[in-house]
C-alpha cells in the first residue's frame, strides 16, 4: 500500500514492486470502456458514440485515433460527422476547427472542447471518460 501512495506523490524507484505496477496498470485499464472497432471509423473521418452517458467523437487520422467531445460549442453541431486533418477536427456545420490534443479552437479562441484518453488494443478502441 505504501508503494501505491508513493506512486501518487511521484516516482519513487526504491519503493516500486512488480505487484504495485500491476495494480496501478490494472486500475488504469479498468477506467477504459470498449467503444468500437478500428475498422468502424473511416480514414480522415469521425464518428459519434455515447460512452458512460457522454457524447464523444472518435477520429481516425492515418490509423491514429483520438477522442473528443462530440458537440461543437459554437452551434452544437456534431463533430463526429466531421473530418480530421493534421490533428485538427473540423465541425461540418460551420467549419470550426479544434485541436484534438489540446481541445483549443483555432477559429475562436474563446471556445474549447474536452479531449479524452484513448487506447487501441488489437482492433478495439477504448476510451476513458
N, C-alpha and C. Protein backbone atom coordinates (compact mmCIF):
# COMPACT_ATOMS: atom_id res chain seq x y z
N UNK A 1 0.82 -1.20 0.00
CA UNK A 1 0.00 0.00 0.00
C UNK A 1 0.86 1.26 0.00
N UNK A 2 1.96 1.22 0.75
CA UNK A 2 2.88 2.36 0.75
C UNK A 2 3.36 2.68 -0.65
N UNK A 3 3.66 1.66 -1.43
CA UNK A 3 4.15 1.87 -2.79
C UNK A 3 3.13 2.60 -3.64
N UNK A 4 1.86 2.25 -3.50
CA UNK A 4 0.81 2.91 -4.27
C UNK A 4 0.71 4.38 -3.87
N UNK A 5 0.77 4.68 -2.57
CA UNK A 5 0.74 6.08 -2.13
C UNK A 5 1.93 6.84 -2.70
N UNK A 6 3.11 6.22 -2.70
CA UNK A 6 4.29 6.87 -3.26
C UNK A 6 4.14 7.14 -4.74
N UNK A 7 3.53 6.25 -5.48
CA UNK A 7 3.30 6.48 -6.91
C UNK A 7 2.41 7.69 -7.12
N UNK A 8 1.43 7.88 -6.26
CA UNK A 8 0.53 9.02 -6.40
C UNK A 8 1.26 10.33 -6.15
N UNK A 9 2.25 10.32 -5.26
CA UNK A 9 3.02 11.52 -4.96
C UNK A 9 4.11 11.77 -5.98
N UNK A 10 4.57 10.73 -6.62
CA UNK A 10 5.65 10.85 -7.58
C UNK A 10 6.38 9.53 -7.70
N UNK A 11 7.28 9.46 -8.62
CA UNK A 11 8.01 8.23 -8.88
C UNK A 11 9.09 8.02 -7.85
N UNK A 12 8.99 6.94 -7.09
CA UNK A 12 9.99 6.57 -6.10
C UNK A 12 10.49 5.19 -6.46
N UNK A 13 11.60 5.15 -7.18
CA UNK A 13 12.11 3.90 -7.74
C UNK A 13 12.32 2.82 -6.69
N UNK A 14 12.81 3.18 -5.51
CA UNK A 14 13.12 2.17 -4.50
C UNK A 14 11.89 1.54 -3.87
N UNK A 15 10.70 2.14 -4.05
CA UNK A 15 9.51 1.60 -3.40
C UNK A 15 8.57 0.87 -4.37
N UNK A 16 8.92 0.82 -5.65
CA UNK A 16 8.03 0.19 -6.63
C UNK A 16 8.37 -1.29 -6.75
N UNK A 17 7.31 -2.10 -6.66
CA UNK A 17 7.47 -3.54 -6.86
C UNK A 17 6.67 -3.93 -8.10
N UNK A 18 6.91 -5.11 -8.62
CA UNK A 18 6.16 -5.61 -9.78
C UNK A 18 4.67 -5.68 -9.44
N UNK A 19 4.35 -6.06 -8.22
CA UNK A 19 2.95 -6.15 -7.78
C UNK A 19 2.28 -4.77 -7.82
N UNK A 20 3.00 -3.75 -7.39
CA UNK A 20 2.48 -2.39 -7.41
C UNK A 20 2.21 -1.92 -8.84
N UNK A 21 3.15 -2.19 -9.72
CA UNK A 21 2.98 -1.78 -11.12
C UNK A 21 1.76 -2.46 -11.72
N UNK A 22 1.59 -3.75 -11.46
CA UNK A 22 0.42 -4.47 -11.98
C UNK A 22 -0.88 -3.89 -11.42
N UNK A 23 -0.90 -3.54 -10.14
CA UNK A 23 -2.10 -2.98 -9.52
C UNK A 23 -2.45 -1.63 -10.14
N UNK A 24 -1.44 -0.79 -10.34
CA UNK A 24 -1.68 0.53 -10.91
C UNK A 24 -2.12 0.40 -12.37
N UNK A 25 -1.46 -0.47 -13.13
CA UNK A 25 -1.83 -0.70 -14.53
C UNK A 25 -3.26 -1.22 -14.62
N UNK A 26 -3.61 -2.17 -13.79
CA UNK A 26 -4.95 -2.74 -13.80
C UNK A 26 -5.99 -1.68 -13.51
N UNK A 27 -5.75 -0.84 -12.52
CA UNK A 27 -6.70 0.21 -12.18
C UNK A 27 -6.89 1.15 -13.36
N UNK A 28 -5.81 1.57 -13.98
CA UNK A 28 -5.92 2.48 -15.11
C UNK A 28 -6.66 1.83 -16.27
N UNK A 29 -6.36 0.59 -16.57
CA UNK A 29 -7.04 -0.11 -17.66
C UNK A 29 -8.52 -0.27 -17.38
N UNK A 30 -8.89 -0.42 -16.11
CA UNK A 30 -10.29 -0.61 -15.77
C UNK A 30 -11.10 0.67 -15.98
N UNK A 31 -10.42 1.80 -16.13
CA UNK A 31 -11.12 3.06 -16.39
C UNK A 31 -11.53 3.21 -17.85
N UNK A 32 -11.06 2.32 -18.71
CA UNK A 32 -11.35 2.42 -20.14
C UNK A 32 -12.53 1.55 -20.53
N UNK A 33 -13.37 2.07 -21.42
CA UNK A 33 -14.54 1.37 -21.92
C UNK A 33 -14.36 1.07 -23.40
N UNK A 34 -14.59 -0.18 -23.79
CA UNK A 34 -14.52 -0.53 -25.20
C UNK A 34 -15.68 0.14 -25.92
N UNK A 35 -15.36 0.89 -26.98
CA UNK A 35 -16.37 1.67 -27.69
C UNK A 35 -16.70 1.07 -29.05
N UNK A 36 -15.67 0.74 -29.83
CA UNK A 36 -15.90 0.26 -31.19
C UNK A 36 -14.64 -0.42 -31.71
N UNK A 37 -14.70 -0.86 -32.94
CA UNK A 37 -13.54 -1.45 -33.63
C UNK A 37 -12.89 -0.40 -34.52
N UNK A 38 -11.60 -0.53 -34.74
CA UNK A 38 -10.88 0.43 -35.58
C UNK A 38 -11.46 0.50 -36.99
N UNK A 39 -11.95 -0.60 -37.50
CA UNK A 39 -12.49 -0.65 -38.86
C UNK A 39 -13.81 0.11 -39.01
N UNK A 40 -14.42 0.49 -37.90
CA UNK A 40 -15.72 1.18 -37.95
C UNK A 40 -15.59 2.67 -38.25
N UNK A 41 -14.36 3.21 -38.19
CA UNK A 41 -14.17 4.65 -38.41
C UNK A 41 -13.26 4.84 -39.62
N UNK A 42 -13.82 5.43 -40.66
CA UNK A 42 -13.08 5.62 -41.90
C UNK A 42 -11.92 6.60 -41.74
N UNK A 43 -10.91 6.40 -42.54
CA UNK A 43 -9.73 7.28 -42.57
C UNK A 43 -10.14 8.73 -42.82
N UNK A 44 -9.63 9.63 -41.96
CA UNK A 44 -9.90 11.06 -42.13
C UNK A 44 -11.26 11.52 -41.64
N UNK A 45 -11.99 10.62 -40.99
CA UNK A 45 -13.36 10.92 -40.55
C UNK A 45 -13.52 10.70 -39.05
N UNK A 46 -14.66 11.14 -38.57
CA UNK A 46 -15.03 10.93 -37.19
C UNK A 46 -16.32 10.15 -37.11
N UNK A 47 -16.66 9.72 -35.92
CA UNK A 47 -17.92 9.02 -35.68
C UNK A 47 -18.32 9.28 -34.24
N UNK A 48 -19.61 9.51 -34.01
CA UNK A 48 -20.11 9.83 -32.67
C UNK A 48 -20.55 8.57 -31.92
N UNK A 49 -20.31 8.58 -30.62
CA UNK A 49 -20.69 7.48 -29.74
C UNK A 49 -21.15 8.05 -28.40
N UNK A 50 -21.92 7.27 -27.66
CA UNK A 50 -22.25 7.60 -26.28
C UNK A 50 -21.46 6.65 -25.40
N UNK A 51 -20.64 7.21 -24.51
CA UNK A 51 -19.81 6.42 -23.61
C UNK A 51 -20.05 6.92 -22.19
N UNK A 52 -20.53 6.04 -21.34
CA UNK A 52 -20.81 6.40 -19.94
C UNK A 52 -21.66 7.67 -19.85
N UNK A 53 -22.64 7.79 -20.72
CA UNK A 53 -23.56 8.93 -20.70
C UNK A 53 -23.04 10.19 -21.38
N UNK A 54 -21.83 10.15 -21.94
CA UNK A 54 -21.26 11.32 -22.62
C UNK A 54 -21.22 11.08 -24.12
N UNK A 55 -21.55 12.12 -24.88
CA UNK A 55 -21.45 12.04 -26.34
C UNK A 55 -20.03 12.43 -26.73
N UNK A 56 -19.31 11.49 -27.35
CA UNK A 56 -17.95 11.76 -27.78
C UNK A 56 -17.82 11.48 -29.27
N UNK A 57 -16.78 12.04 -29.87
CA UNK A 57 -16.44 11.76 -31.26
C UNK A 57 -15.07 11.11 -31.27
N UNK A 58 -14.94 10.04 -32.04
CA UNK A 58 -13.65 9.40 -32.22
C UNK A 58 -13.24 9.61 -33.67
N UNK A 59 -12.00 10.06 -33.87
CA UNK A 59 -11.47 10.34 -35.20
C UNK A 59 -10.35 9.37 -35.55
N UNK A 60 -10.21 9.12 -36.85
CA UNK A 60 -9.15 8.26 -37.38
C UNK A 60 -8.33 9.07 -38.37
N UNK A 61 -7.07 9.35 -38.01
CA UNK A 61 -6.17 10.04 -38.93
C UNK A 61 -4.97 9.16 -39.18
N UNK A 62 -4.94 8.57 -40.37
CA UNK A 62 -3.83 7.66 -40.76
C UNK A 62 -3.64 6.52 -39.76
N UNK A 63 -4.75 5.98 -39.24
CA UNK A 63 -4.67 4.88 -38.30
C UNK A 63 -4.38 5.28 -36.87
N UNK A 64 -4.28 6.59 -36.63
CA UNK A 64 -4.12 7.11 -35.27
C UNK A 64 -5.48 7.64 -34.83
N UNK A 65 -5.94 7.20 -33.68
CA UNK A 65 -7.28 7.54 -33.21
C UNK A 65 -7.21 8.52 -32.04
N UNK A 66 -8.24 9.37 -31.94
CA UNK A 66 -8.35 10.30 -30.81
C UNK A 66 -9.83 10.48 -30.48
N UNK A 67 -10.09 10.93 -29.25
CA UNK A 67 -11.46 11.11 -28.79
C UNK A 67 -11.64 12.50 -28.18
N UNK A 68 -12.74 13.15 -28.55
CA UNK A 68 -13.08 14.49 -28.07
C UNK A 68 -14.58 14.58 -27.81
N UNK A 69 -15.01 15.68 -27.20
CA UNK A 69 -16.44 15.92 -27.09
C UNK A 69 -17.06 15.88 -28.48
N UNK A 70 -18.27 15.38 -28.57
CA UNK A 70 -18.93 15.33 -29.88
C UNK A 70 -19.57 16.67 -30.25
N UNK A 71 -19.94 17.46 -29.27
CA UNK A 71 -20.69 18.68 -29.55
C UNK A 71 -19.79 19.89 -29.72
N UNK A 72 -19.91 20.55 -30.87
CA UNK A 72 -19.18 21.78 -31.14
C UNK A 72 -19.82 22.90 -30.31
N UNK A 73 -19.06 23.58 -29.47
CA UNK A 73 -19.66 24.62 -28.62
C UNK A 73 -20.12 25.86 -29.39
N UNK A 74 -19.76 25.99 -30.65
CA UNK A 74 -20.17 27.14 -31.44
C UNK A 74 -21.67 27.11 -31.72
N UNK A 75 -22.14 26.01 -32.33
CA UNK A 75 -23.56 25.94 -32.70
C UNK A 75 -24.14 24.55 -32.49
N UNK A 76 -23.53 23.79 -31.59
CA UNK A 76 -24.00 22.46 -31.19
C UNK A 76 -24.00 21.43 -32.32
N UNK A 77 -23.15 21.63 -33.31
CA UNK A 77 -23.02 20.64 -34.39
C UNK A 77 -22.32 19.38 -33.89
N UNK A 78 -22.49 18.29 -34.62
CA UNK A 78 -21.88 17.02 -34.26
C UNK A 78 -20.49 16.92 -34.89
N UNK A 79 -19.45 17.00 -34.06
CA UNK A 79 -18.08 16.87 -34.56
C UNK A 79 -17.84 15.49 -35.15
N UNK A 80 -18.54 14.49 -34.65
CA UNK A 80 -18.39 13.13 -35.16
C UNK A 80 -18.77 12.98 -36.62
N UNK A 81 -19.48 13.92 -37.16
CA UNK A 81 -19.84 13.90 -38.58
C UNK A 81 -18.80 14.64 -39.42
N UNK A 82 -17.77 15.15 -38.75
CA UNK A 82 -16.76 15.96 -39.43
C UNK A 82 -15.55 15.17 -39.88
N UNK A 83 -14.52 15.92 -40.24
CA UNK A 83 -13.27 15.35 -40.75
C UNK A 83 -12.12 15.78 -39.86
N UNK A 84 -10.98 15.08 -40.03
CA UNK A 84 -9.76 15.43 -39.29
C UNK A 84 -8.60 15.50 -40.28
N UNK A 85 -7.74 16.50 -40.06
CA UNK A 85 -6.55 16.64 -40.87
C UNK A 85 -5.48 17.36 -40.03
N UNK A 86 -4.28 16.79 -40.00
CA UNK A 86 -3.18 17.36 -39.21
C UNK A 86 -3.54 17.58 -37.74
N UNK A 87 -4.32 16.65 -37.18
CA UNK A 87 -4.69 16.73 -35.77
C UNK A 87 -5.78 17.74 -35.47
N UNK A 88 -6.42 18.28 -36.53
CA UNK A 88 -7.47 19.28 -36.35
C UNK A 88 -8.81 18.69 -36.81
N UNK A 89 -9.76 18.64 -35.89
CA UNK A 89 -11.11 18.18 -36.21
C UNK A 89 -11.95 19.38 -36.64
N UNK A 90 -12.66 19.22 -37.74
CA UNK A 90 -13.45 20.32 -38.29
C UNK A 90 -14.93 19.98 -38.21
N UNK A 91 -15.69 20.89 -37.59
CA UNK A 91 -17.13 20.72 -37.45
C UNK A 91 -17.79 20.88 -38.83
N UNK A 92 -18.66 19.95 -39.21
CA UNK A 92 -19.29 20.03 -40.52
C UNK A 92 -20.34 21.14 -40.63
N UNK A 93 -20.80 21.67 -39.50
CA UNK A 93 -21.85 22.69 -39.55
C UNK A 93 -21.35 24.03 -40.06
N UNK A 94 -20.27 24.56 -39.46
CA UNK A 94 -19.78 25.88 -39.84
C UNK A 94 -18.26 25.94 -40.01
N UNK A 95 -17.59 24.79 -39.97
CA UNK A 95 -16.16 24.75 -40.22
C UNK A 95 -15.27 25.14 -39.06
N UNK A 96 -15.81 25.19 -37.85
CA UNK A 96 -14.97 25.50 -36.70
C UNK A 96 -13.97 24.37 -36.49
N UNK A 97 -12.70 24.74 -36.23
CA UNK A 97 -11.60 23.77 -36.17
C UNK A 97 -11.05 23.65 -34.76
N UNK A 98 -10.87 22.41 -34.30
CA UNK A 98 -10.41 22.13 -32.94
C UNK A 98 -9.19 21.23 -32.95
N UNK A 99 -8.20 21.58 -32.13
CA UNK A 99 -7.01 20.77 -31.94
C UNK A 99 -7.42 19.55 -31.11
N UNK A 100 -7.19 18.35 -31.63
CA UNK A 100 -7.65 17.15 -30.92
C UNK A 100 -6.75 16.75 -29.75
N UNK A 101 -5.60 17.39 -29.59
CA UNK A 101 -4.75 17.12 -28.43
C UNK A 101 -5.06 18.06 -27.28
N UNK A 102 -5.27 19.32 -27.58
CA UNK A 102 -5.48 20.32 -26.52
C UNK A 102 -6.94 20.72 -26.34
N UNK A 103 -7.76 20.53 -27.36
CA UNK A 103 -9.16 20.95 -27.31
C UNK A 103 -9.37 22.40 -27.70
N UNK A 104 -8.28 23.13 -27.99
CA UNK A 104 -8.39 24.55 -28.34
C UNK A 104 -9.04 24.73 -29.71
N UNK A 105 -9.84 25.76 -29.81
CA UNK A 105 -10.48 26.09 -31.08
C UNK A 105 -9.59 27.05 -31.86
N UNK A 106 -9.29 26.71 -33.09
CA UNK A 106 -8.45 27.56 -33.94
C UNK A 106 -9.26 28.67 -34.59
N UNK A 107 -10.58 28.53 -34.58
CA UNK A 107 -11.46 29.50 -35.21
C UNK A 107 -11.86 30.61 -34.25
N UNK A 108 -12.07 30.26 -32.99
CA UNK A 108 -12.49 31.21 -31.96
C UNK A 108 -11.81 30.81 -30.65
N UNK A 109 -10.84 31.56 -30.22
CA UNK A 109 -10.04 31.20 -29.04
C UNK A 109 -10.85 31.13 -27.75
N UNK A 110 -12.07 31.63 -27.76
CA UNK A 110 -12.91 31.55 -26.55
C UNK A 110 -13.53 30.17 -26.38
N UNK A 111 -13.50 29.36 -27.44
CA UNK A 111 -14.13 28.05 -27.40
C UNK A 111 -13.10 26.95 -27.18
N UNK A 112 -13.57 25.84 -26.60
CA UNK A 112 -12.69 24.70 -26.30
C UNK A 112 -13.57 23.46 -26.18
N UNK A 113 -13.00 22.32 -26.56
CA UNK A 113 -13.68 21.05 -26.35
C UNK A 113 -12.82 20.18 -25.44
N UNK A 114 -13.45 19.21 -24.82
CA UNK A 114 -12.73 18.29 -23.95
C UNK A 114 -12.14 17.16 -24.79
N UNK A 115 -10.94 16.73 -24.43
CA UNK A 115 -10.30 15.58 -25.06
C UNK A 115 -10.29 14.43 -24.07
N UNK A 116 -10.27 13.20 -24.58
CA UNK A 116 -10.33 12.03 -23.72
C UNK A 116 -9.19 11.06 -24.04
N UNK A 117 -8.64 10.42 -23.00
CA UNK A 117 -7.62 9.39 -23.23
C UNK A 117 -8.22 8.23 -24.02
N UNK A 118 -7.44 7.71 -24.95
CA UNK A 118 -7.90 6.62 -25.81
C UNK A 118 -6.74 5.64 -26.00
N UNK A 119 -7.06 4.36 -25.99
CA UNK A 119 -6.06 3.33 -26.31
C UNK A 119 -6.67 2.38 -27.34
N UNK A 120 -5.80 1.77 -28.13
CA UNK A 120 -6.22 0.77 -29.10
C UNK A 120 -5.56 -0.54 -28.70
N UNK A 121 -6.38 -1.57 -28.49
CA UNK A 121 -5.88 -2.90 -28.18
C UNK A 121 -6.37 -3.84 -29.28
N UNK A 122 -5.43 -4.26 -30.12
CA UNK A 122 -5.82 -5.08 -31.27
C UNK A 122 -6.71 -4.25 -32.17
N UNK A 123 -7.95 -4.67 -32.34
CA UNK A 123 -8.91 -3.94 -33.16
C UNK A 123 -9.87 -3.09 -32.32
N UNK A 124 -9.76 -3.18 -31.00
CA UNK A 124 -10.71 -2.48 -30.13
C UNK A 124 -10.21 -1.09 -29.75
N UNK A 125 -11.12 -0.11 -29.85
CA UNK A 125 -10.84 1.25 -29.39
C UNK A 125 -11.49 1.40 -28.03
N UNK A 126 -10.69 1.84 -27.05
CA UNK A 126 -11.18 2.02 -25.67
C UNK A 126 -10.93 3.46 -25.26
N UNK A 127 -11.93 4.03 -24.57
CA UNK A 127 -11.86 5.43 -24.16
C UNK A 127 -12.13 5.54 -22.66
N UNK A 128 -11.45 6.48 -22.02
CA UNK A 128 -11.68 6.76 -20.62
C UNK A 128 -12.38 8.10 -20.51
N UNK A 129 -13.63 8.07 -20.04
CA UNK A 129 -14.36 9.33 -19.83
C UNK A 129 -15.40 9.18 -18.73
